[in-house]
Protein backbone atom coordinates (compact mmCIF):
# COMPACT_ATOMS: atom_id res chain seq x y z
CA MET A 1 -45.61 15.30 18.42
CA PHE A 2 -43.97 13.13 15.26
CA ARG A 3 -45.73 12.05 12.68
CA LEU A 4 -45.23 8.41 10.77
CA THR A 5 -43.72 9.41 8.26
CA ASN A 6 -41.21 11.57 9.82
CA VAL A 7 -40.19 8.44 11.77
CA GLY A 8 -39.46 7.25 8.26
CA THR A 9 -37.61 9.37 7.23
CA MET A 10 -35.49 9.23 10.74
CA VAL A 11 -34.58 6.02 10.11
CA ALA A 12 -33.44 6.11 6.14
CA ASN A 13 -31.02 8.40 7.32
CA SER A 14 -30.11 6.99 10.25
CA GLN A 15 -29.49 3.91 8.17
CA ALA A 16 -27.93 5.70 5.10
CA GLN A 17 -25.42 7.05 7.86
CA ARG A 18 -24.37 4.38 8.86
CA ARG A 19 -24.12 2.98 5.48
CA LEU A 20 -22.30 5.97 4.38
CA ALA A 21 -19.94 5.58 8.12
CA THR A 22 -19.61 1.59 6.98
CA MET A 23 -17.99 2.46 3.38
CA LEU A 24 -15.90 5.43 5.23
CA MET A 25 -14.19 2.92 7.27
CA GLU A 26 -13.52 0.84 4.18
CA ILE A 27 -11.81 2.55 2.65
CA PHE A 28 -9.79 3.61 5.28
CA ALA A 29 -8.65 0.19 5.79
CA LEU A 30 -7.76 -0.17 2.21
CA VAL A 31 -6.17 3.32 1.69
CA VAL A 32 -3.75 2.06 5.18
CA GLY A 33 -2.98 -1.27 3.36
CA GLN A 34 -2.32 -0.01 0.70
CA VAL A 35 0.36 2.61 2.09
CA GLY A 36 1.76 0.06 4.05
CA ILE A 37 2.42 -2.35 0.90
CA THR A 38 4.01 0.93 -0.66
CA LEU A 39 6.47 1.72 2.57
CA ILE A 40 7.38 -3.07 2.27
CA LEU A 41 7.98 -2.99 -1.63
CA LEU A 42 10.00 0.69 -1.35
CA THR A 43 12.18 -0.93 1.69
CA GLY A 44 12.63 -3.80 -0.06
CA ALA A 45 13.25 -2.19 -3.68
CA GLY A 46 16.30 -0.06 -1.21
CA LEU A 47 17.81 -2.91 0.22
CA PHE A 48 18.08 -4.79 -3.84
CA VAL A 49 19.80 -1.42 -5.04
CA ARG A 50 22.39 -1.56 -2.18
CA SER A 51 22.84 -5.03 -2.16
CA LEU A 52 23.68 -4.80 -6.63
CA PHE A 53 26.17 -2.09 -4.95
CA GLU A 54 27.46 -4.72 -3.27
CA LEU A 55 27.74 -7.25 -5.92
CA LEU A 56 28.86 -4.62 -7.66
CA GLY A 57 32.23 -3.83 -6.03
CA THR A 58 33.09 -7.66 -4.92
CA ASN A 59 36.04 -8.79 -6.09
CA THR A 60 35.59 -12.06 -7.29
CA GLY A 61 38.55 -13.51 -7.45
CA LEU A 62 39.31 -13.79 -11.68
CA ASP A 63 41.29 -11.45 -13.69
CA ALA A 64 38.89 -10.00 -16.40
CA ARG A 65 42.11 -8.01 -17.39
CA ASN A 66 43.32 -8.63 -21.47
CA VAL A 67 40.12 -10.99 -22.03
CA LEU A 68 38.88 -10.63 -25.03
CA THR A 69 34.73 -11.01 -24.86
CA MET A 70 31.68 -11.87 -28.13
């Protein structure tokens, strides 16, 4: 037979396990979200760098030879 104190301990342990599981799920969700945002930012940065290199190779239509800049 269970004593009353053992039942109380079991209920407290069950609640603690539930809180721990909830905390772990929240942490996992935050990590997954952070990885997702990181991938999006890295993809955007790569596209930006590629666009800059393409712009550097684009002919502007101006002849910059023999031009003095200050």
